[in-house]
PDB file of N, CA and C in Angstrom:
ATOM      1  N   MET A   1     -37.388 133.301  12.416  1.00  0.00           N
ATOM      2  CA  MET A   1     -37.338 131.938  12.905  1.00  0.00           C
ATOM      3  C   MET A   1     -37.021 130.937  11.794  1.00  0.00           C
ATOM      4  N   LYS A   2     -36.843 131.460  10.593  1.00  0.00           N
ATOM      5  CA  LYS A   2     -36.512 130.602   9.460  1.00  0.00           C
ATOM      6  C   LYS A   2     -35.258 129.778   9.762  1.00  0.00           C
ATOM      7  N   ASN A   3     -34.254 130.410  10.352  1.00  0.00           N
ATOM      8  CA  ASN A   3     -33.008 129.701  10.640  1.00  0.00           C
ATOM      9  C   ASN A   3     -33.190 128.608  11.680  1.00  0.00           C
ATOM     10  N   ILE A   4     -34.078 128.831  12.642  1.00  0.00           N
ATOM     11  CA  ILE A   4     -34.344 127.808  13.653  1.00  0.00           C
ATOM     12  C   ILE A   4     -34.980 126.582  13.002  1.00  0.00           C
ATOM     13  N   LYS A   5     -35.881 126.812  12.069  1.00  0.00           N
ATOM     14  CA  LYS A   5     -36.487 125.682  11.342  1.00  0.00           C
ATOM     15  C   LYS A   5     -35.425 124.928  10.557  1.00  0.00           C
ATOM     16  N   GLU A   6     -34.523 125.671   9.945  1.00  0.00           N
ATOM     17  CA  GLU A   6     -33.454 125.029   9.178  1.00  0.00           C
ATOM     18  C   GLU A   6     -32.546 124.205  10.098  1.00  0.00           C
ATOM     19  N   ILE A   7     -32.194 124.764  11.241  1.00  0.00           N
ATOM     20  CA  ILE A   7     -31.359 124.039  12.202  1.00  0.00           C
ATOM     21  C   ILE A   7     -32.085 122.792  12.701  1.00  0.00           C
ATOM     22  N   SER A   8     -33.384 122.913  12.957  1.00  0.00           N
ATOM     23  CA  SER A   8     -34.175 121.761  13.394  1.00  0.00           C
ATOM     24  C   SER A   8     -34.149 120.661  12.351  1.00  0.00           C
ATOM     25  N   ASN A   9     -34.273 121.030  11.100  1.00  0.00           N
ATOM     26  CA  ASN A   9     -34.221 120.048  10.013  1.00  0.00           C
ATOM     27  C   ASN A   9     -32.860 119.376   9.929  1.00  0.00           C
ATOM     28  N   ILE A  10     -31.812 120.156  10.114  1.00  0.00           N
ATOM     29  CA  ILE A  10     -30.457 119.587  10.082  1.00  0.00           C
ATOM     30  C   ILE A  10     -30.293 118.577  11.212  1.00  0.00           C
ATOM     31  N   ILE A  11     -30.690 118.969  12.425  1.00  0.00           N
ATOM     32  CA  ILE A  11     -30.554 118.075  13.575  1.00  0.00           C
ATOM     33  C   ILE A  11     -31.379 116.801  13.368  1.00  0.00           C
ATOM     34  N   SER A  12     -32.568 116.938  12.821  1.00  0.00           N
ATOM     35  CA  SER A  12     -33.399 115.747  12.613  1.00  0.00           C
ATOM     36  C   SER A  12     -32.820 114.807  11.562  1.00  0.00           C
ATOM     37  N   SER A  13     -31.922 115.307  10.738  1.00  0.00           N
ATOM     38  CA  SER A  13     -31.314 114.455   9.713  1.00  0.00           C
ATOM     39  C   SER A  13     -30.128 113.642  10.239  1.00  0.00           C
ATOM     40  N   PHE A  14     -29.623 113.998  11.429  1.00  0.00           N
ATOM     41  CA  PHE A  14     -28.485 113.268  11.984  1.00  0.00           C
ATOM     42  C   PHE A  14     -28.897 111.865  12.402  1.00  0.00           C
ATOM     43  N   ASN A  15     -27.994 110.923  12.200  1.00  0.00           N
ATOM     44  CA  ASN A  15     -28.242 109.540  12.589  1.00  0.00           C
ATOM     45  C   ASN A  15     -27.487 109.153  13.852  1.00  0.00           C
ATOM     46  N   ASP A  16     -26.666 110.059  14.349  1.00  0.00           N
ATOM     47  CA  ASP A  16     -25.773 109.733  15.452  1.00  0.00           C
ATOM     48  C   ASP A  16     -25.800 110.871  16.470  1.00  0.00           C
ATOM     49  N   GLU A  17     -26.003 110.529  17.750  1.00  0.00           N
ATOM     50  CA  GLU A  17     -26.058 111.578  18.764  1.00  0.00           C
ATOM     51  C   GLU A  17     -24.722 112.304  18.918  1.00  0.00           C
ATOM     52  N   LYS A  18     -23.622 111.647  18.553  1.00  0.00           N
ATOM     53  CA  LYS A  18     -22.313 112.324  18.598  1.00  0.00           C
ATOM     54  C   LYS A  18     -22.272 113.476  17.596  1.00  0.00           C
ATOM     55  N   GLU A  19     -22.885 113.280  16.440  1.00  0.00           N
ATOM     56  CA  GLU A  19     -22.949 114.359  15.449  1.00  0.00           C
ATOM     57  C   GLU A  19     -23.748 115.538  15.987  1.00  0.00           C
ATOM     58  N   ILE A  20     -24.863 115.247  16.640  1.00  0.00           N
ATOM     59  CA  ILE A  20     -25.683 116.314  17.222  1.00  0.00           C
ATOM     60  C   ILE A  20     -24.874 117.070  18.268  1.00  0.00           C
ATOM     61  N   TYR A  21     -24.194 116.337  19.128  1.00  0.00           N
ATOM     62  CA  TYR A  21     -23.367 116.932  20.178  1.00  0.00           C
ATOM     63  C   TYR A  21     -22.319 117.872  19.571  1.00  0.00           C
ATOM     64  N   HIS A  22     -21.600 117.394  18.580  1.00  0.00           N
ATOM     65  CA  HIS A  22     -20.550 118.211  17.955  1.00  0.00           C
ATOM     66  C   HIS A  22     -21.139 119.407  17.202  1.00  0.00           C
ATOM     67  N   PHE A  23     -22.279 119.208  16.575  1.00  0.00           N
ATOM     68  CA  PHE A  23     -22.959 120.299  15.892  1.00  0.00           C
ATOM     69  C   PHE A  23     -23.313 121.400  16.882  1.00  0.00           C
ATOM     70  N   LEU A  24     -23.892 121.025  18.010  1.00  0.00           N
ATOM     71  CA  LEU A  24     -24.250 122.010  19.035  1.00  0.00           C
ATOM     72  C   LEU A  24     -23.015 122.709  19.598  1.00  0.00           C
ATOM     73  N   LYS A  25     -21.930 121.951  19.792  1.00  0.00           N
ATOM     74  CA  LYS A  25     -20.679 122.545  20.304  1.00  0.00           C
ATOM     75  C   LYS A  25     -20.088 123.542  19.314  1.00  0.00           C
ATOM     76  N   GLU A  26     -20.308 123.307  18.018  1.00  0.00           N
ATOM     77  CA  GLU A  26     -19.817 124.245  17.006  1.00  0.00           C
ATOM     78  C   GLU A  26     -20.661 125.513  16.964  1.00  0.00           C
ATOM     79  N   LEU A  27     -21.953 125.376  17.168  1.00  0.00           N
ATOM     80  CA  LEU A  27     -22.857 126.532  17.069  1.00  0.00           C
ATOM     81  C   LEU A  27     -22.867 127.419  18.302  1.00  0.00           C
ATOM     82  N   PHE A  28     -22.743 126.805  19.484  1.00  0.00           N
ATOM     83  CA  PHE A  28     -22.919 127.543  20.726  1.00  0.00           C
ATOM     84  C   PHE A  28     -21.619 127.676  21.498  1.00  0.00           C
ATOM     85  N   THR A  29     -21.517 128.771  22.246  1.00  0.00           N
ATOM     86  CA  THR A  29     -20.378 128.949  23.144  1.00  0.00           C
ATOM     87  C   THR A  29     -20.570 128.049  24.357  1.00  0.00           C
ATOM     88  N   GLU A  30     -19.519 127.887  25.143  1.00  0.00           N
ATOM     89  CA  GLU A  30     -19.633 127.094  26.367  1.00  0.00           C
ATOM     90  C   GLU A  30     -20.693 127.684  27.299  1.00  0.00           C
ATOM     91  N   ALA A  31     -20.734 129.017  27.395  1.00  0.00           N
ATOM     92  CA  ALA A  31     -21.725 129.675  28.258  1.00  0.00           C
ATOM     93  C   ALA A  31     -23.148 129.400  27.777  1.00  0.00           C
ATOM     94  N   GLU A  32     -23.360 129.431  26.463  1.00  0.00           N
ATOM     95  CA  GLU A  32     -24.686 129.158  25.906  1.00  0.00           C
ATOM     96  C   GLU A  32     -25.096 127.708  26.148  1.00  0.00           C
ATOM     97  N   LEU A  33     -24.140 126.794  26.006  1.00  0.00           N
ATOM     98  CA  LEU A  33     -24.424 125.386  26.262  1.00  0.00           C
ATOM     99  C   LEU A  33     -24.726 125.146  27.737  1.00  0.00           C
ATOM    100  N   MET A  34     -24.012 125.844  28.619  1.00  0.00           N
ATOM    101  CA  MET A  34     -24.278 125.724  30.056  1.00  0.00           C
ATOM    102  C   MET A  34     -25.677 126.230  30.379  1.00  0.00           C
ATOM    103  N   ASP A  35     -26.076 127.334  29.743  1.00  0.00           N
ATOM    104  CA  ASP A  35     -27.413 127.873  29.960  1.00  0.00           C
ATOM    105  C   ASP A  35     -28.469 126.878  29.471  1.00  0.00           C
ATOM    106  N   LEU A  36     -28.257 126.309  28.317  1.00  0.00           N
ATOM    107  CA  LEU A  36     -29.172 125.300  27.782  1.00  0.00           C
ATOM    108  C   LEU A  36     -29.262 124.097  28.725  1.00  0.00           C
ATOM    109  N   SER A  37     -28.123 123.667  29.217  1.00  0.00           N
ATOM    110  CA  SER A  37     -28.067 122.539  30.134  1.00  0.00           C
ATOM    111  C   SER A  37     -28.829 122.845  31.426  1.00  0.00           C
ATOM    112  N   LYS A  38     -28.660 124.056  31.945  1.00  0.00           N
ATOM    113  CA  LYS A  38     -29.371 124.440  33.171  1.00  0.00           C
ATOM    114  C   LYS A  38     -30.873 124.516  32.934  1.00  0.00           C
ATOM    115  N   ARG A  39     -31.272 125.019  31.785  1.00  0.00           N
ATOM    116  CA  ARG A  39     -32.709 125.087  31.486  1.00  0.00           C
ATOM    117  C   ARG A  39     -33.317 123.685  31.462  1.00  0.00           C
ATOM    118  N   TRP A  40     -32.602 122.729  30.901  1.00  0.00           N
ATOM    119  CA  TRP A  40     -33.095 121.358  30.866  1.00  0.00           C
ATOM    120  C   TRP A  40     -33.120 120.776  32.280  1.00  0.00           C
ATOM    121  N   GLU A  41     -32.097 121.083  33.071  1.00  0.00           N
ATOM    122  CA  GLU A  41     -32.047 120.603  34.457  1.00  0.00           C
ATOM    123  C   GLU A  41     -33.213 121.177  35.262  1.00  0.00           C
ATOM    124  N   ILE A  42     -33.549 122.430  35.030  1.00  0.00           N
ATOM    125  CA  ILE A  42     -34.703 123.049  35.691  1.00  0.00           C
ATOM    126  C   ILE A  42     -35.967 122.248  35.385  1.00  0.00           C
ATOM    127  N   LEU A  43     -36.173 121.929  34.116  1.00  0.00           N
ATOM    128  CA  LEU A  43     -37.361 121.161  33.727  1.00  0.00           C
ATOM    129  C   LEU A  43     -37.371 119.781  34.374  1.00  0.00           C
ATOM    130  N   LYS A  44     -36.225 119.130  34.416  1.00  0.00           N
ATOM    131  CA  LYS A  44     -36.147 117.802  35.032  1.00  0.00           C
ATOM    132  C   LYS A  44     -36.459 117.879  36.524  1.00  0.00           C
ATOM    133  N   MET A  45     -35.917 118.901  37.193  1.00  0.00           N
ATOM    134  CA  MET A  45     -36.160 119.034  38.629  1.00  0.00           C
ATOM    135  C   MET A  45     -37.623 119.374  38.918  1.00  0.00           C
ATOM    136  N   LEU A  46     -38.210 120.230  38.093  1.00  0.00           N
ATOM    137  CA  LEU A  46     -39.641 120.522  38.245  1.00  0.00           C
ATOM    138  C   LEU A  46     -40.457 119.252  38.056  1.00  0.00           C
ATOM    139  N   ASN A  47     -40.095 118.472  37.062  1.00  0.00           N
ATOM    140  CA  ASN A  47     -40.785 117.219  36.788  1.00  0.00           C
ATOM    141  C   ASN A  47     -40.672 116.252  37.966  1.00  0.00           C
ATOM    142  N   ASP A  48     -39.548 116.309  38.682  1.00  0.00           N
ATOM    143  CA  ASP A  48     -39.324 115.437  39.840  1.00  0.00           C
ATOM    144  C   ASP A  48     -39.986 115.965  41.110  1.00  0.00           C
ATOM    145  N   GLY A  49     -40.611 117.158  41.018  1.00  0.00           N
ATOM    146  CA  GLY A  49     -41.353 117.669  42.161  1.00  0.00           C
ATOM    147  C   GLY A  49     -40.628 118.653  43.059  1.00  0.00           C
ATOM    148  N   HIS A  50     -39.442 119.089  42.664  1.00  0.00           N
ATOM    149  CA  HIS A  50     -38.718 120.078  43.464  1.00  0.00           C
ATOM    150  C   HIS A  50     -39.446 121.419  43.417  1.00  0.00           C
ATOM    151  N   THR A  51     -39.323 122.200  44.477  1.00  0.00           N
ATOM    152  CA  THR A  51     -39.959 123.517  44.491  1.00  0.00           C
ATOM    153  C   THR A  51     -39.137 124.493  43.649  1.00  0.00           C
ATOM    154  N   GLN A  52     -39.804 125.520  43.177  1.00  0.00           N
ATOM    155  CA  GLN A  52     -39.125 126.533  42.363  1.00  0.00           C
ATOM    156  C   GLN A  52     -37.992 127.195  43.141  1.00  0.00           C
ATOM    157  N   ARG A  53     -38.238 127.512  44.396  1.00  0.00           N
ATOM    158  CA  ARG A  53     -37.198 128.173  45.203  1.00  0.00           C
ATOM    159  C   ARG A  53     -35.993 127.259  45.433  1.00  0.00           C
ATOM    160  N   ASP A  54     -36.250 125.985  45.682  1.00  0.00           N
ATOM    161  CA  ASP A  54     -35.144 125.038  45.866  1.00  0.00           C
ATOM    162  C   ASP A  54     -34.302 124.915  44.598  1.00  0.00           C
ATOM    163  N   ILE A  55     -34.974 124.875  43.466  1.00  0.00           N
ATOM    164  CA  ILE A  55     -34.265 124.768  42.184  1.00  0.00           C
ATOM    165  C   ILE A  55     -33.406 126.005  41.949  1.00  0.00           C
ATOM    166  N   ALA A  56     -33.995 127.173  42.150  1.00  0.00           N
ATOM    167  CA  ALA A  56     -33.251 128.423  41.954  1.00  0.00           C
ATOM    168  C   ALA A  56     -32.026 128.460  42.850  1.00  0.00           C
ATOM    169  N   SER A  57     -32.195 128.043  44.085  1.00  0.00           N
ATOM    170  CA  SER A  57     -31.079 128.050  45.034  1.00  0.00           C
ATOM    171  C   SER A  57     -30.010 127.029  44.650  1.00  0.00           C
ATOM    172  N   GLU A  58     -30.436 125.811  44.351  1.00  0.00           N
ATOM    173  CA  GLU A  58     -29.481 124.742  44.037  1.00  0.00           C
ATOM    174  C   GLU A  58     -28.696 125.022  42.750  1.00  0.00           C
ATOM    175  N   LEU A  59     -29.391 125.510  41.723  1.00  0.00           N
ATOM    176  CA  LEU A  59     -28.730 125.741  40.432  1.00  0.00           C
ATOM    177  C   LEU A  59     -28.148 127.150  40.299  1.00  0.00           C
ATOM    178  N   LYS A  60     -28.409 127.974  41.316  1.00  0.00           N
ATOM    179  CA  LYS A  60     -27.918 129.362  41.305  1.00  0.00           C
ATOM    180  C   LYS A  60     -28.407 130.118  40.066  1.00  0.00           C
ATOM    181  N   VAL A  61     -29.724 130.048  39.861  1.00  0.00           N
ATOM    182  CA  VAL A  61     -30.380 130.757  38.766  1.00  0.00           C
ATOM    183  C   VAL A  61     -31.486 131.615  39.361  1.00  0.00           C
ATOM    184  N   SER A  62     -31.961 132.556  38.564  1.00  0.00           N
ATOM    185  CA  SER A  62     -33.041 133.422  39.039  1.00  0.00           C
ATOM    186  C   SER A  62     -34.347 132.638  39.125  1.00  0.00           C
ATOM    187  N   LEU A  63     -35.187 133.079  40.031  1.00  0.00           N
ATOM    188  CA  LEU A  63     -36.504 132.483  40.165  1.00  0.00           C
ATOM    189  C   LEU A  63     -37.305 132.672  38.873  1.00  0.00           C
ATOM    190  N   CYS A  64     -37.018 133.746  38.134  1.00  0.00           N
ATOM    191  CA  CYS A  64     -37.698 133.984  36.852  1.00  0.00           C
ATOM    192  C   CYS A  64     -37.424 132.862  35.855  1.00  0.00           C
ATOM    193  N   LYS A  65     -36.187 132.371  35.804  1.00  0.00           N
ATOM    194  CA  LYS A  65     -35.863 131.266  34.890  1.00  0.00           C
ATOM    195  C   LYS A  65     -36.630 130.007  35.276  1.00  0.00           C
ATOM    196  N   VAL A  66     -36.728 129.778  36.573  1.00  0.00           N
ATOM    197  CA  VAL A  66     -37.438 128.589  37.041  1.00  0.00           C
ATOM    198  C   VAL A  66     -38.932 128.736  36.758  1.00  0.00           C
ATOM    199  N   THR A  67     -39.460 129.928  36.962  1.00  0.00           N
ATOM    200  CA  THR A  67     -40.879 130.178  36.690  1.00  0.00           C
ATOM    201  C   THR A  67     -41.187 129.956  35.215  1.00  0.00           C
ATOM    202  N   ARG A  68     -40.274 130.352  34.353  1.00  0.00           N
ATOM    203  CA  ARG A  68     -40.451 130.107  32.913  1.00  0.00           C
ATOM    204  C   ARG A  68     -40.558 128.605  32.651  1.00  0.00           C
ATOM    205  N   GLY A  69     -39.704 127.841  33.312  1.00  0.00           N
ATOM    206  CA  GLY A  69     -39.765 126.387  33.177  1.00  0.00           C
ATOM    207  C   GLY A  69     -41.071 125.826  33.705  1.00  0.00           C
ATOM    208  N   ALA A  70     -41.564 126.390  34.808  1.00  0.00           N
ATOM    209  CA  ALA A  70     -42.828 125.932  35.397  1.00  0.00           C
ATOM    210  C   ALA A  70     -43.987 126.173  34.440  1.00  0.00           C
ATOM    211  N   LYS A  71     -43.941 127.280  33.703  1.00  0.00           N
ATOM    212  CA  LYS A  71     -44.990 127.559  32.718  1.00  0.00           C
ATOM    213  C   LYS A  71     -44.979 126.508  31.613  1.00  0.00           C
ATOM    214  N   ILE A  72     -43.788 126.100  31.211  1.00  0.00           N
ATOM    215  CA  ILE A  72     -43.669 125.047  30.194  1.00  0.00           C
ATOM    216  C   ILE A  72     -44.280 123.749  30.726  1.00  0.00           C
ATOM    217  N   MET A  73     -43.966 123.431  31.983  1.00  0.00           N
ATOM    218  CA  MET A  73     -44.457 122.188  32.575  1.00  0.00           C
ATOM    219  C   MET A  73     -45.981 122.171  32.696  1.00  0.00           C
ATOM    220  N   LYS A  74     -46.595 123.335  32.841  1.00  0.00           N
ATOM    221  CA  LYS A  74     -48.056 123.410  32.965  1.00  0.00           C
ATOM    222  C   LYS A  74     -48.760 123.273  31.615  1.00  0.00           C
ATOM    223  N   ASN A  75     -48.013 123.479  30.536  1.00  0.00           N
ATOM    224  CA  ASN A  75     -48.585 123.391  29.193  1.00  0.00           C
ATOM    225  C   ASN A  75     -48.707 121.914  28.795  1.00  0.00           C
ATOM    226  N   LYS A  76     -49.921 121.448  28.680  1.00  0.00           N
ATOM    227  CA  LYS A  76     -50.165 120.030  28.366  1.00  0.00           C
ATOM    228  C   LYS A  76     -49.660 119.640  26.987  1.00  0.00           C
ATOM    229  N   ASN A  77     -49.445 120.607  26.118  1.00  0.00           N
ATOM    230  CA  ASN A  77     -48.977 120.328  24.760  1.00  0.00           C
ATOM    231  C   ASN A  77     -47.481 120.548  24.582  1.00  0.00           C
ATOM    232  N   ALA A  78     -46.766 120.831  25.655  1.00  0.00           N
ATOM    233  CA  ALA A  78     -45.331 121.108  25.559  1.00  0.00           C
ATOM    234  C   ALA A  78     -44.564 119.850  25.157  1.00  0.00           C
ATOM    235  N   ILE A  79     -43.707 120.009  24.184  1.00  0.00           N
ATOM    236  CA  ILE A  79     -42.879 118.893  23.710  1.00  0.00           C
ATOM    237  C   ILE A  79     -41.908 118.449  24.806  1.00  0.00           C
ATOM    238  N   SER A  80     -41.384 119.401  25.545  1.00  0.00           N
ATOM    239  CA  SER A  80     -40.418 119.093  26.610  1.00  0.00           C
ATOM    240  C   SER A  80     -40.976 118.092  27.597  1.00  0.00           C
ATOM    241  N   THR A  81     -42.219 118.299  28.018  1.00  0.00           N
ATOM    242  CA  THR A  81     -42.802 117.409  29.014  1.00  0.00           C
ATOM    243  C   THR A  81     -43.004 116.002  28.453  1.00  0.00           C
ATOM    244  N   LYS A  82     -43.248 115.932  27.167  1.00  0.00           N
ATOM    245  CA  LYS A  82     -43.387 114.616  26.518  1.00  0.00           C
ATOM    246  C   LYS A  82     -42.100 113.805  26.696  1.00  0.00           C
ATOM    247  N   TYR A  83     -40.965 114.453  26.533  1.00  0.00           N
ATOM    248  CA  TYR A  83     -39.680 113.744  26.657  1.00  0.00           C
ATOM    249  C   TYR A  83     -39.274 113.529  28.105  1.00  0.00           C
ATOM    250  N   LEU A  84     -39.737 114.380  28.999  1.00  0.00           N
ATOM    251  CA  LEU A  84     -39.431 114.192  30.415  1.00  0.00           C
ATOM    252  C   LEU A  84     -40.193 113.001  30.997  1.00  0.00           C
ATOM    253  N   LYS A  85     -41.325 112.697  30.435  1.00  0.00           N
ATOM    254  CA  LYS A  85     -42.164 111.599  30.941  1.00  0.00           C
ATOM    255  C   LYS A  85     -41.663 110.233  30.511  1.00  0.00           C
ATOM    256  N   LYS A  86     -40.728 110.202  29.565  1.00  0.00           N
ATOM    257  CA  LYS A  86     -40.214 108.905  29.066  1.00  0.00           C
ATOM    258  C   LYS A  86     -39.344 108.214  30.089  1.00  0.00           C
TER     259      LYS A  86
END
């Protein structure tokens, strides 16, 4: 996980969201970015009160992926939920 910490430090040093966007586009394939985008959408939909089955159906993802997101949402210390509440 050393590399993830290094990447986190690099991203935190950016002053412009365009730089972050381009950095992510350089590191990840389109498929990886789509997966990341869907994972965030799952969290947003869970936060908005959608059911797990509705989310899986609408986003065409497995119920397991949605359940993983639901576990994150139940964690009171999750960073993701902090940003979803803003």
